[in-house]
Amino acid sequence: MNQIMISCATYAKLSRVTNLTDLDPQQWADMILEQMADELIEAAEKPDALNGGKSAGHPDREPTEDESTGLQWWNRLQEHARRYWMERAGNTGRALDAWEAYKRERGADDSREMA
C-alpha cells in the first residue's frame, strides 16, 4: 500500500472525525478522497462542469488578460488566503471565482493586478 503524507492539522481533523463517528481515520480519509477524486475526474471529463456549468467558450481558447492576472494572483496566495477567498467565492473550487470575489470586495472593476 502506498502512503500519502498529511499535515498535522489534517491529522487532528481526522482524529476529531474518529471521535464524532464510528469510522476510523484511515477508512474516513479513503472514503472522502475517493469521492473527491471521482468528482474531479468527472469534472475534468466535462469542461463545463469545471466552470460551474457555464460555458466559457472554446476549451482551447487563450485566457483573457484578466483571467491570466487572476490566475497569477491565485498562484501567489498562501493556503490560508486561498481558503479565505474561495469561501468568499462560495466554495466553487474555481480560482477565477475567487479572483472575482477579490475584485468585488476590493471594489475593482478592471483587470489591473492587485496585491
PDB file of N, CA and C in Angstrom:
ATOM      1  N   MET A   1       0.851  -1.173   0.000  1.00  0.00           N
ATOM      2  CA  MET A   1       0.000   0.000   0.000  1.00  0.00           C
ATOM      3  C   MET A   1       0.898   1.238   0.000  1.00  0.00           C
ATOM      4  N   ASN A   2       0.601   2.174  -0.873  1.00  0.00           N
ATOM      5  CA  ASN A   2       1.312   3.457  -0.888  1.00  0.00           C
ATOM      6  C   ASN A   2       0.766   4.345   0.210  1.00  0.00           C
ATOM      7  N   GLN A   3       1.604   5.246   0.689  1.00  0.00           N
ATOM      8  CA  GLN A   3       1.178   6.160   1.734  1.00  0.00           C
ATOM      9  C   GLN A   3       1.233   7.584   1.226  1.00  0.00           C
ATOM     10  N   ILE A   4       0.353   8.410   1.771  1.00  0.00           N
ATOM     11  CA  ILE A   4       0.317   9.833   1.460  1.00  0.00           C
ATOM     12  C   ILE A   4       0.558  10.574   2.761  1.00  0.00           C
ATOM     13  N   MET A   5       1.461  11.533   2.717  1.00  0.00           N
ATOM     14  CA  MET A   5       1.746  12.334   3.903  1.00  0.00           C
ATOM     15  C   MET A   5       0.677  13.415   4.036  1.00  0.00           C
ATOM     16  N   ILE A   6       0.239  13.666   5.270  1.00  0.00           N
ATOM     17  CA  ILE A   6      -0.716  14.734   5.533  1.00  0.00           C
ATOM     18  C   ILE A   6      -0.167  15.631   6.631  1.00  0.00           C
ATOM     19  N   SER A   7      -0.694  16.818   6.709  1.00  0.00           N
ATOM     20  CA  SER A   7      -0.232  17.770   7.726  1.00  0.00           C
ATOM     21  C   SER A   7      -0.746  17.365   9.105  1.00  0.00           C
ATOM     22  N   CYS A   8      -0.127  17.904  10.116  1.00  0.00           N
ATOM     23  CA  CYS A   8      -0.580  17.670  11.496  1.00  0.00           C
ATOM     24  C   CYS A   8      -2.002  18.192  11.686  1.00  0.00           C
ATOM     25  N   ALA A   9      -2.312  19.318  11.066  1.00  0.00           N
ATOM     26  CA  ALA A   9      -3.655  19.895  11.192  1.00  0.00           C
ATOM     27  C   ALA A   9      -4.697  18.962  10.579  1.00  0.00           C
ATOM     28  N   THR A  10      -4.392  18.385   9.434  1.00  0.00           N
ATOM     29  CA  THR A  10      -5.322  17.449   8.800  1.00  0.00           C
ATOM     30  C   THR A  10      -5.476  16.199   9.651  1.00  0.00           C
ATOM     31  N   TYR A  11      -4.370  15.715  10.202  1.00  0.00           N
ATOM     32  CA  TYR A  11      -4.438  14.541  11.064  1.00  0.00           C
ATOM     33  C   TYR A  11      -5.319  14.815  12.286  1.00  0.00           C
ATOM     34  N   ALA A  12      -5.188  16.007  12.856  1.00  0.00           N
ATOM     35  CA  ALA A  12      -6.008  16.370  14.008  1.00  0.00           C
ATOM     36  C   ALA A  12      -7.488  16.351  13.635  1.00  0.00           C
ATOM     37  N   LYS A  13      -7.806  16.815  12.430  1.00  0.00           N
ATOM     38  CA  LYS A  13      -9.194  16.794  11.982  1.00  0.00           C
ATOM     39  C   LYS A  13      -9.683  15.363  11.786  1.00  0.00           C
ATOM     40  N   LEU A  14      -8.823  14.511  11.247  1.00  0.00           N
ATOM     41  CA  LEU A  14      -9.195  13.098  11.089  1.00  0.00           C
ATOM     42  C   LEU A  14      -9.450  12.460  12.448  1.00  0.00           C
ATOM     43  N   SER A  15      -8.641  12.806  13.429  1.00  0.00           N
ATOM     44  CA  SER A  15      -8.839  12.282  14.778  1.00  0.00           C
ATOM     45  C   SER A  15     -10.169  12.757  15.350  1.00  0.00           C
ATOM     46  N   ARG A  16     -10.520  13.990  15.045  1.00  0.00           N
ATOM     47  CA  ARG A  16     -11.812  14.513  15.519  1.00  0.00           C
ATOM     48  C   ARG A  16     -12.968  13.762  14.867  1.00  0.00           C
ATOM     49  N   VAL A  17     -12.820  13.439  13.590  1.00  0.00           N
ATOM     50  CA  VAL A  17     -13.848  12.643  12.906  1.00  0.00           C
ATOM     51  C   VAL A  17     -14.016  11.306  13.620  1.00  0.00           C
ATOM     52  N   THR A  18     -12.913  10.705  14.029  1.00  0.00           N
ATOM     53  CA  THR A  18     -12.966   9.441  14.748  1.00  0.00           C
ATOM     54  C   THR A  18     -13.803   9.583  16.012  1.00  0.00           C
ATOM     55  N   ASN A  19     -13.630  10.701  16.697  1.00  0.00           N
ATOM     56  CA  ASN A  19     -14.381  10.926  17.930  1.00  0.00           C
ATOM     57  C   ASN A  19     -15.863  11.188  17.667  1.00  0.00           C
ATOM     58  N   LEU A  20     -16.195  11.689  16.497  1.00  0.00           N
ATOM     59  CA  LEU A  20     -17.586  12.041  16.181  1.00  0.00           C
ATOM     60  C   LEU A  20     -18.353  10.937  15.458  1.00  0.00           C
ATOM     61  N   THR A  21     -17.631   9.967  14.898  1.00  0.00           N
ATOM     62  CA  THR A  21     -18.274   8.915  14.098  1.00  0.00           C
ATOM     63  C   THR A  21     -17.736   7.550  14.502  1.00  0.00           C
ATOM     64  N   ASP A  22     -18.242   6.546  13.833  1.00  0.00           N
ATOM     65  CA  ASP A  22     -17.744   5.182  14.050  1.00  0.00           C
ATOM     66  C   ASP A  22     -16.623   4.829  13.080  1.00  0.00           C
ATOM     67  N   LEU A  23     -16.222   5.773  12.245  1.00  0.00           N
ATOM     68  CA  LEU A  23     -15.195   5.494  11.239  1.00  0.00           C
ATOM     69  C   LEU A  23     -13.803   5.731  11.807  1.00  0.00           C
ATOM     70  N   ASP A  24     -12.883   4.839  11.443  1.00  0.00           N
ATOM     71  CA  ASP A  24     -11.502   5.110  11.825  1.00  0.00           C
ATOM     72  C   ASP A  24     -10.931   6.113  10.817  1.00  0.00           C
ATOM     73  N   PRO A  25      -9.888   6.852  11.203  1.00  0.00           N
ATOM     74  CA  PRO A  25      -9.372   7.913  10.323  1.00  0.00           C
ATOM     75  C   PRO A  25      -8.988   7.427   8.925  1.00  0.00           C
ATOM     76  N   GLN A  26      -8.382   6.248   8.825  1.00  0.00           N
ATOM     77  CA  GLN A  26      -7.974   5.732   7.520  1.00  0.00           C
ATOM     78  C   GLN A  26      -9.187   5.443   6.642  1.00  0.00           C
ATOM     79  N   GLN A  27     -10.193   4.820   7.220  1.00  0.00           N
ATOM     80  CA  GLN A  27     -11.412   4.490   6.483  1.00  0.00           C
ATOM     81  C   GLN A  27     -12.099   5.766   5.996  1.00  0.00           C
ATOM     82  N   TRP A  28     -12.205   6.752   6.870  1.00  0.00           N
ATOM     83  CA  TRP A  28     -12.869   8.002   6.516  1.00  0.00           C
ATOM     84  C   TRP A  28     -12.082   8.745   5.433  1.00  0.00           C
ATOM     85  N   ALA A  29     -10.755   8.838   5.609  1.00  0.00           N
ATOM     86  CA  ALA A  29      -9.919   9.541   4.631  1.00  0.00           C
ATOM     87  C   ALA A  29     -10.020   8.864   3.266  1.00  0.00           C
ATOM     88  N   ASP A  30      -9.968   7.534   3.236  1.00  0.00           N
ATOM     89  CA  ASP A  30     -10.090   6.811   1.965  1.00  0.00           C
ATOM     90  C   ASP A  30     -11.425   7.106   1.289  1.00  0.00           C
ATOM     91  N   MET A  31     -12.504   7.104   2.080  1.00  0.00           N
ATOM     92  CA  MET A  31     -13.835   7.349   1.544  1.00  0.00           C
ATOM     93  C   MET A  31     -13.924   8.756   0.946  1.00  0.00           C
ATOM     94  N   ILE A  32     -13.464   9.753   1.682  1.00  0.00           N
ATOM     95  CA  ILE A  32     -13.547  11.139   1.228  1.00  0.00           C
ATOM     96  C   ILE A  32     -12.651  11.373   0.013  1.00  0.00           C
ATOM     97  N   LEU A  33     -11.430  10.880   0.057  1.00  0.00           N
ATOM     98  CA  LEU A  33     -10.521  11.073  -1.079  1.00  0.00           C
ATOM     99  C   LEU A  33     -11.042  10.387  -2.337  1.00  0.00           C
ATOM    100  N   GLU A  34     -11.624   9.211  -2.181  1.00  0.00           N
ATOM    101  CA  GLU A  34     -12.197   8.526  -3.336  1.00  0.00           C
ATOM    102  C   GLU A  34     -13.336   9.339  -3.936  1.00  0.00           C
ATOM    103  N   GLN A  35     -14.203   9.868  -3.067  1.00  0.00           N
ATOM    104  CA  GLN A  35     -15.328  10.674  -3.539  1.00  0.00           C
ATOM    105  C   GLN A  35     -14.827  11.927  -4.251  1.00  0.00           C
ATOM    106  N   MET A  36     -13.858  12.615  -3.655  1.00  0.00           N
ATOM    107  CA  MET A  36     -13.330  13.835  -4.270  1.00  0.00           C
ATOM    108  C   MET A  36     -12.638  13.528  -5.591  1.00  0.00           C
ATOM    109  N   ALA A  37     -11.899  12.417  -5.638  1.00  0.00           N
ATOM    110  CA  ALA A  37     -11.226  12.036  -6.882  1.00  0.00           C
ATOM    111  C   ALA A  37     -12.255  11.749  -7.972  1.00  0.00           C
ATOM    112  N   ASP A  38     -13.326  11.028  -7.621  1.00  0.00           N
ATOM    113  CA  ASP A  38     -14.386  10.747  -8.599  1.00  0.00           C
ATOM    114  C   ASP A  38     -14.988  12.043  -9.142  1.00  0.00           C
ATOM    115  N   GLU A  39     -15.253  13.004  -8.244  1.00  0.00           N
ATOM    116  CA  GLU A  39     -15.838  14.281  -8.663  1.00  0.00           C
ATOM    117  C   GLU A  39     -14.888  15.057  -9.563  1.00  0.00           C
ATOM    118  N   LEU A  40     -13.612  15.051  -9.220  1.00  0.00           N
ATOM    119  CA  LEU A  40     -12.636  15.763 -10.038  1.00  0.00           C
ATOM    120  C   LEU A  40     -12.490  15.122 -11.412  1.00  0.00           C
ATOM    121  N   ILE A  41     -12.434  13.808 -11.446  1.00  0.00           N
ATOM    122  CA  ILE A  41     -12.324  13.101 -12.730  1.00  0.00           C
ATOM    123  C   ILE A  41     -13.541  13.400 -13.591  1.00  0.00           C
ATOM    124  N   GLU A  42     -14.719  13.342 -12.987  1.00  0.00           N
ATOM    125  CA  GLU A  42     -15.947  13.638 -13.732  1.00  0.00           C
ATOM    126  C   GLU A  42     -15.931  15.068 -14.261  1.00  0.00           C
ATOM    127  N   ALA A  43     -15.512  16.011 -13.409  1.00  0.00           N
ATOM    128  CA  ALA A  43     -15.462  17.409 -13.832  1.00  0.00           C
ATOM    129  C   ALA A  43     -14.438  17.618 -14.938  1.00  0.00           C
ATOM    130  N   ALA A  44     -13.296  16.960 -14.828  1.00  0.00           N
ATOM    131  CA  ALA A  44     -12.247  17.121 -15.835  1.00  0.00           C
ATOM    132  C   ALA A  44     -12.680  16.561 -17.184  1.00  0.00           C
ATOM    133  N   GLU A  45     -13.528  15.547 -17.156  1.00  0.00           N
ATOM    134  CA  GLU A  45     -14.008  14.948 -18.404  1.00  0.00           C
ATOM    135  C   GLU A  45     -15.144  15.745 -19.026  1.00  0.00           C
ATOM    136  N   LYS A  46     -15.704  16.695 -18.259  1.00  0.00           N
ATOM    137  CA  LYS A  46     -16.770  17.559 -18.749  1.00  0.00           C
ATOM    138  C   LYS A  46     -16.317  18.995 -18.515  1.00  0.00           C
ATOM    139  N   PRO A  47     -15.740  19.653 -19.529  1.00  0.00           N
ATOM    140  CA  PRO A  47     -15.211  21.003 -19.322  1.00  0.00           C
ATOM    141  C   PRO A  47     -16.211  21.979 -18.714  1.00  0.00           C
ATOM    142  N   ASP A  48     -17.494  21.872 -19.053  1.00  0.00           N
ATOM    143  CA  ASP A  48     -18.484  22.785 -18.488  1.00  0.00           C
ATOM    144  C   ASP A  48     -18.633  22.587 -16.985  1.00  0.00           C
ATOM    145  N   ALA A  49     -18.417  21.366 -16.492  1.00  0.00           N
ATOM    146  CA  ALA A  49     -18.549  21.106 -15.060  1.00  0.00           C
ATOM    147  C   ALA A  49     -17.486  21.862 -14.271  1.00  0.00           C
ATOM    148  N   LEU A  50     -16.291  22.016 -14.832  1.00  0.00           N
ATOM    149  CA  LEU A  50     -15.238  22.773 -14.159  1.00  0.00           C
ATOM    150  C   LEU A  50     -15.580  24.247 -14.078  1.00  0.00           C
ATOM    151  N   ASN A  51     -16.477  24.681 -14.934  1.00  0.00           N
ATOM    152  CA  ASN A  51     -16.826  26.101 -14.992  1.00  0.00           C
ATOM    153  C   ASN A  51     -18.202  26.355 -14.379  1.00  0.00           C
ATOM    154  N   GLY A  52     -18.593  25.534 -13.423  1.00  0.00           N
ATOM    155  CA  GLY A  52     -19.867  25.739 -12.757  1.00  0.00           C
ATOM    156  C   GLY A  52     -21.065  25.583 -13.680  1.00  0.00           C
ATOM    157  N   GLY A  53     -20.897  24.818 -14.766  1.00  0.00           N
ATOM    158  CA  GLY A  53     -21.990  24.617 -15.687  1.00  0.00           C
ATOM    159  C   GLY A  53     -22.124  25.709 -16.724  1.00  0.00           C
ATOM    160  N   LYS A  54     -21.303  26.757 -16.618  1.00  0.00           N
ATOM    161  CA  LYS A  54     -21.365  27.863 -17.579  1.00  0.00           C
ATOM    162  C   LYS A  54     -20.242  27.681 -18.593  1.00  0.00           C
ATOM    163  N   SER A  55     -20.567  27.755 -19.835  1.00  0.00           N
ATOM    164  CA  SER A  55     -19.539  27.618 -20.857  1.00  0.00           C
ATOM    165  C   SER A  55     -18.720  28.896 -20.957  1.00  0.00           C
ATOM    166  N   ALA A  56     -17.408  28.752 -20.902  1.00  0.00           N
ATOM    167  CA  ALA A  56     -16.516  29.912 -21.022  1.00  0.00           C
ATOM    168  C   ALA A  56     -15.974  29.997 -22.443  1.00  0.00           C
ATOM    169  N   GLY A  57     -16.691  29.426 -23.377  1.00  0.00           N
ATOM    170  CA  GLY A  57     -16.205  29.442 -24.741  1.00  0.00           C
ATOM    171  C   GLY A  57     -15.469  28.159 -25.051  1.00  0.00           C
ATOM    172  N   HIS A  58     -14.717  28.185 -26.105  1.00  0.00           N
ATOM    173  CA  HIS A  58     -13.977  27.016 -26.541  1.00  0.00           C
ATOM    174  C   HIS A  58     -12.928  26.653 -25.495  1.00  0.00           C
ATOM    175  N   PRO A  59     -12.827  25.364 -25.107  1.00  0.00           N
ATOM    176  CA  PRO A  59     -11.885  24.986 -24.059  1.00  0.00           C
ATOM    177  C   PRO A  59     -10.423  25.259 -24.403  1.00  0.00           C
ATOM    178  N   ASP A  60     -10.108  25.370 -25.686  1.00  0.00           N
ATOM    179  CA  ASP A  60      -8.728  25.620 -26.096  1.00  0.00           C
ATOM    180  C   ASP A  60      -8.423  27.098 -26.277  1.00  0.00           C
ATOM    181  N   ARG A  61      -9.326  27.975 -25.924  1.00  0.00           N
ATOM    182  CA  ARG A  61      -9.103  29.403 -26.122  1.00  0.00           C
ATOM    183  C   ARG A  61      -8.038  29.907 -25.158  1.00  0.00           C
ATOM    184  N   GLU A  62      -7.417  30.987 -25.517  1.00  0.00           N
ATOM    185  CA  GLU A  62      -6.434  31.630 -24.640  1.00  0.00           C
ATOM    186  C   GLU A  62      -7.171  32.383 -23.547  1.00  0.00           C
ATOM    187  N   PRO A  63      -6.634  32.379 -22.313  1.00  0.00           N
ATOM    188  CA  PRO A  63      -7.288  33.148 -21.250  1.00  0.00           C
ATOM    189  C   PRO A  63      -7.217  34.641 -21.545  1.00  0.00           C
ATOM    190  N   THR A  64      -8.211  35.359 -21.072  1.00  0.00           N
ATOM    191  CA  THR A  64      -8.190  36.812 -21.223  1.00  0.00           C
ATOM    192  C   THR A  64      -7.093  37.385 -20.330  1.00  0.00           C
ATOM    193  N   GLU A  65      -6.792  38.650 -20.518  1.00  0.00           N
ATOM    194  CA  GLU A  65      -5.783  39.307 -19.674  1.00  0.00           C
ATOM    195  C   GLU A  65      -6.207  39.267 -18.210  1.00  0.00           C
ATOM    196  N   ASP A  66      -7.490  39.509 -17.959  1.00  0.00           N
ATOM    197  CA  ASP A  66      -7.991  39.477 -16.586  1.00  0.00           C
ATOM    198  C   ASP A  66      -7.889  38.074 -15.993  1.00  0.00           C
ATOM    199  N   GLU A  67      -8.222  37.037 -16.775  1.00  0.00           N
ATOM    200  CA  GLU A  67      -8.100  35.668 -16.286  1.00  0.00           C
ATOM    201  C   GLU A  67      -6.649  35.323 -15.973  1.00  0.00           C
ATOM    202  N   SER A  68      -5.740  35.728 -16.840  1.00  0.00           N
ATOM    203  CA  SER A  68      -4.313  35.485 -16.595  1.00  0.00           C
ATOM    204  C   SER A  68      -3.849  36.185 -15.322  1.00  0.00           C
ATOM    205  N   THR A  69      -4.284  37.426 -15.146  1.00  0.00           N
ATOM    206  CA  THR A  69      -3.932  38.178 -13.941  1.00  0.00           C
ATOM    207  C   THR A  69      -4.488  37.473 -12.710  1.00  0.00           C
ATOM    208  N   GLY A  70      -5.727  37.012 -12.801  1.00  0.00           N
ATOM    209  CA  GLY A  70      -6.353  36.319 -11.685  1.00  0.00           C
ATOM    210  C   GLY A  70      -5.644  35.025 -11.327  1.00  0.00           C
ATOM    211  N   LEU A  71      -5.229  34.271 -12.326  1.00  0.00           N
ATOM    212  CA  LEU A  71      -4.522  33.019 -12.055  1.00  0.00           C
ATOM    213  C   LEU A  71      -3.141  33.278 -11.470  1.00  0.00           C
ATOM    214  N   GLN A  72      -2.476  34.326 -11.935  1.00  0.00           N
ATOM    215  CA  GLN A  72      -1.187  34.696 -11.332  1.00  0.00           C
ATOM    216  C   GLN A  72      -1.388  35.099  -9.877  1.00  0.00           C
ATOM    217  N   TRP A  73      -2.430  35.865  -9.594  1.00  0.00           N
ATOM    218  CA  TRP A  73      -2.758  36.273  -8.230  1.00  0.00           C
ATOM    219  C   TRP A  73      -2.985  35.034  -7.362  1.00  0.00           C
ATOM    220  N   TRP A  74      -3.785  34.096  -7.858  1.00  0.00           N
ATOM    221  CA  TRP A  74      -4.099  32.878  -7.110  1.00  0.00           C
ATOM    222  C   TRP A  74      -2.834  32.073  -6.812  1.00  0.00           C
ATOM    223  N   ASN A  75      -1.970  31.940  -7.799  1.00  0.00           N
ATOM    224  CA  ASN A  75      -0.760  31.137  -7.635  1.00  0.00           C
ATOM    225  C   ASN A  75       0.194  31.721  -6.597  1.00  0.00           C
ATOM    226  N   ARG A  76       0.115  33.026  -6.355  1.00  0.00           N
ATOM    227  CA  ARG A  76       0.977  33.661  -5.356  1.00  0.00           C
ATOM    228  C   ARG A  76       0.404  33.582  -3.943  1.00  0.00           C
ATOM    229  N   LEU A  77      -0.881  33.253  -3.820  1.00  0.00           N
ATOM    230  CA  LEU A  77      -1.509  33.226  -2.497  1.00  0.00           C
ATOM    231  C   LEU A  77      -1.030  32.042  -1.670  1.00  0.00           C
ATOM    232  N   GLN A  78      -0.924  32.275  -0.369  1.00  0.00           N
ATOM    233  CA  GLN A  78      -0.660  31.173   0.547  1.00  0.00           C
ATOM    234  C   GLN A  78      -1.974  30.443   0.806  1.00  0.00           C
ATOM    235  N   GLU A  79      -1.875  29.244   1.378  1.00  0.00           N
ATOM    236  CA  GLU A  79      -3.047  28.386   1.547  1.00  0.00           C
ATOM    237  C   GLU A  79      -4.168  29.062   2.332  1.00  0.00           C
ATOM    238  N   HIS A  80      -3.839  29.750   3.417  1.00  0.00           N
ATOM    239  CA  HIS A  80      -4.898  30.376   4.223  1.00  0.00           C
ATOM    240  C   HIS A  80      -5.624  31.459   3.437  1.00  0.00           C
ATOM    241  N   ALA A  81      -4.891  32.197   2.616  1.00  0.00           N
ATOM    242  CA  ALA A  81      -5.523  33.227   1.784  1.00  0.00           C
ATOM    243  C   ALA A  81      -6.384  32.585   0.699  1.00  0.00           C
ATOM    244  N   ARG A  82      -5.903  31.484   0.137  1.00  0.00           N
ATOM    245  CA  ARG A  82      -6.712  30.783  -0.858  1.00  0.00           C
ATOM    246  C   ARG A  82      -8.020  30.314  -0.242  1.00  0.00           C
ATOM    247  N   ARG A  83      -7.961  29.736   0.955  1.00  0.00           N
ATOM    248  CA  ARG A  83      -9.192  29.281   1.618  1.00  0.00           C
ATOM    249  C   ARG A  83     -10.149  30.453   1.841  1.00  0.00           C
ATOM    250  N   TYR A  84      -9.606  31.576   2.309  1.00  0.00           N
ATOM    251  CA  TYR A  84     -10.440  32.744   2.586  1.00  0.00           C
ATOM    252  C   TYR A  84     -11.166  33.201   1.320  1.00  0.00           C
ATOM    253  N   TRP A  85     -10.410  33.404   0.239  1.00  0.00           N
ATOM    254  CA  TRP A  85     -11.028  33.926  -0.985  1.00  0.00           C
ATOM    255  C   TRP A  85     -11.938  32.898  -1.646  1.00  0.00           C
ATOM    256  N   MET A  86     -11.623  31.603  -1.497  1.00  0.00           N
ATOM    257  CA  MET A  86     -12.514  30.584  -2.054  1.00  0.00           C
ATOM    258  C   MET A  86     -13.838  30.578  -1.280  1.00  0.00           C
ATOM    259  N   GLU A  87     -13.776  30.753   0.033  1.00  0.00           N
ATOM    260  CA  GLU A  87     -15.012  30.853   0.815  1.00  0.00           C
ATOM    261  C   GLU A  87     -15.820  32.067   0.373  1.00  0.00           C
ATOM    262  N   ARG A  88     -15.144  33.192   0.136  1.00  0.00           N
ATOM    263  CA  ARG A  88     -15.830  34.409  -0.304  1.00  0.00           C
ATOM    264  C   ARG A  88     -16.496  34.204  -1.662  1.00  0.00           C
ATOM    265  N   ALA A  89     -15.947  33.259  -2.455  1.00  0.00           N
ATOM    266  CA  ALA A  89     -16.494  32.970  -3.786  1.00  0.00           C
ATOM    267  C   ALA A  89     -17.569  31.889  -3.737  1.00  0.00           C
ATOM    268  N   GLY A  90     -17.911  31.410  -2.551  1.00  0.00           N
ATOM    269  CA  GLY A  90     -18.943  30.393  -2.436  1.00  0.00           C
ATOM    270  C   GLY A  90     -18.431  28.976  -2.573  1.00  0.00           C
ATOM    271  N   ASN A  91     -17.140  28.780  -2.352  1.00  0.00           N
ATOM    272  CA  ASN A  91     -16.519  27.449  -2.410  1.00  0.00           C
ATOM    273  C   ASN A  91     -16.818  26.722  -3.717  1.00  0.00           C
ATOM    274  N   THR A  92     -16.644  27.435  -4.812  1.00  0.00           N
ATOM    275  CA  THR A  92     -16.912  26.833  -6.122  1.00  0.00           C
ATOM    276  C   THR A  92     -15.789  25.928  -6.593  1.00  0.00           C
ATOM    277  N   GLY A  93     -14.598  26.103  -6.019  1.00  0.00           N
ATOM    278  CA  GLY A  93     -13.457  25.318  -6.465  1.00  0.00           C
ATOM    279  C   GLY A  93     -12.751  25.920  -7.673  1.00  0.00           C
ATOM    280  N   ARG A  94     -13.163  27.097  -8.098  1.00  0.00           N
ATOM    281  CA  ARG A  94     -12.562  27.743  -9.263  1.00  0.00           C
ATOM    282  C   ARG A  94     -11.770  28.969  -8.824  1.00  0.00           C
ATOM    283  N   ALA A  95     -10.486  28.991  -9.147  1.00  0.00           N
ATOM    284  CA  ALA A  95      -9.627  30.116  -8.789  1.00  0.00           C
ATOM    285  C   ALA A  95     -10.160  31.426  -9.356  1.00  0.00           C
ATOM    286  N   LEU A  96     -10.722  31.379 -10.549  1.00  0.00           N
ATOM    287  CA  LEU A  96     -11.221  32.616 -11.152  1.00  0.00           C
ATOM    288  C   LEU A  96     -12.453  33.152 -10.428  1.00  0.00           C
ATOM    289  N   ASP A  97     -13.214  32.288  -9.786  1.00  0.00           N
ATOM    290  CA  ASP A  97     -14.327  32.768  -8.959  1.00  0.00           C
ATOM    291  C   ASP A  97     -13.787  33.488  -7.727  1.00  0.00           C
ATOM    292  N   ALA A  98     -12.710  32.959  -7.162  1.00  0.00           N
ATOM    293  CA  ALA A  98     -12.071  33.628  -6.024  1.00  0.00           C
ATOM    294  C   ALA A  98     -11.519  34.985  -6.451  1.00  0.00           C
ATOM    295  N   TRP A  99     -10.953  35.055  -7.638  1.00  0.00           N
ATOM    296  CA  TRP A  99     -10.435  36.308  -8.189  1.00  0.00           C
ATOM    297  C   TRP A  99     -11.562  37.328  -8.322  1.00  0.00           C
ATOM    298  N   GLU A 100     -12.707  36.886  -8.830  1.00  0.00           N
ATOM    299  CA  GLU A 100     -13.858  37.788  -8.964  1.00  0.00           C
ATOM    300  C   GLU A 100     -14.326  38.280  -7.595  1.00  0.00           C
ATOM    301  N   ALA A 101     -14.340  37.382  -6.611  1.00  0.00           N
ATOM    302  CA  ALA A 101     -14.730  37.779  -5.249  1.00  0.00           C
ATOM    303  C   ALA A 101     -13.747  38.809  -4.702  1.00  0.00           C
ATOM    304  N   TYR A 102     -12.466  38.592  -4.965  1.00  0.00           N
ATOM    305  CA  TYR A 102     -11.436  39.533  -4.517  1.00  0.00           C
ATOM    306  C   TYR A 102     -11.675  40.910  -5.134  1.00  0.00           C
ATOM    307  N   LYS A 103     -11.906  40.922  -6.434  1.00  0.00           N
ATOM    308  CA  LYS A 103     -12.122  42.202  -7.114  1.00  0.00           C
ATOM    309  C   LYS A 103     -13.387  42.892  -6.605  1.00  0.00           C
ATOM    310  N   ARG A 104     -14.449  42.123  -6.428  1.00  0.00           N
ATOM    311  CA  ARG A 104     -15.698  42.708  -5.903  1.00  0.00           C
ATOM    312  C   ARG A 104     -15.467  43.327  -4.535  1.00  0.00           C
ATOM    313  N   GLU A 105     -14.808  42.582  -3.673  1.00  0.00           N
ATOM    314  CA  GLU A 105     -14.614  43.053  -2.306  1.00  0.00           C
ATOM    315  C   GLU A 105     -13.677  44.256  -2.256  1.00  0.00           C
ATOM    316  N   ARG A 106     -12.749  44.311  -3.157  1.00  0.00           N
ATOM    317  CA  ARG A 106     -11.809  45.433  -3.204  1.00  0.00           C
ATOM    318  C   ARG A 106     -12.340  46.592  -4.038  1.00  0.00           C
ATOM    319  N   GLY A 107     -13.502  46.396  -4.639  1.00  0.00           N
ATOM    320  CA  GLY A 107     -14.102  47.462  -5.430  1.00  0.00           C
ATOM    321  C   GLY A 107     -13.418  47.659  -6.773  1.00  0.00           C
ATOM    322  N   ALA A 108     -12.774  46.630  -7.261  1.00  0.00           N
ATOM    323  CA  ALA A 108     -12.061  46.728  -8.537  1.00  0.00           C
ATOM    324  C   ALA A 108     -12.983  46.305  -9.665  1.00  0.00           C
ATOM    325  N   ASP A 109     -12.948  47.083 -10.726  1.00  0.00           N
ATOM    326  CA  ASP A 109     -13.779  46.714 -11.870  1.00  0.00           C
ATOM    327  C   ASP A 109     -12.949  46.646 -13.145  1.00  0.00           C
ATOM    328  N   ASP A 110     -11.644  46.575 -12.992  1.00  0.00           N
ATOM    329  CA  ASP A 110     -10.798  46.433 -14.182  1.00  0.00           C
ATOM    330  C   ASP A 110      -9.864  45.254 -13.979  1.00  0.00           C
ATOM    331  N   SER A 111      -9.002  45.004 -14.941  1.00  0.00           N
ATOM    332  CA  SER A 111      -8.152  43.818 -14.889  1.00  0.00           C
ATOM    333  C   SER A 111      -6.751  44.111 -14.387  1.00  0.00           C
ATOM    334  N   ARG A 112      -6.540  45.272 -13.776  1.00  0.00           N
ATOM    335  CA  ARG A 112      -5.193  45.536 -13.286  1.00  0.00           C
ATOM    336  C   ARG A 112      -4.941  44.659 -12.066  1.00  0.00           C
ATOM    337  N   GLU A 113      -3.690  44.267 -11.915  1.00  0.00           N
ATOM    338  CA  GLU A 113      -3.321  43.349 -10.857  1.00  0.00           C
ATOM    339  C   GLU A 113      -3.341  44.035  -9.506  1.00  0.00           C
ATOM    340  N   MET A 114      -3.797  43.292  -8.501  1.00  0.00           N
ATOM    341  CA  MET A 114      -3.857  43.823  -7.153  1.00  0.00           C
ATOM    342  C   MET A 114      -3.050  42.932  -6.236  1.00  0.00           C
ATOM    343  N   ALA A 115      -2.423  43.520  -5.248  1.00  0.00           N
ATOM    344  CA  ALA A 115      -1.606  42.734  -4.315  1.00  0.00           C
ATOM    345  C   ALA A 115      -2.425  42.321  -3.118  1.00  0.00           C
TER     346      ALA A 115
END
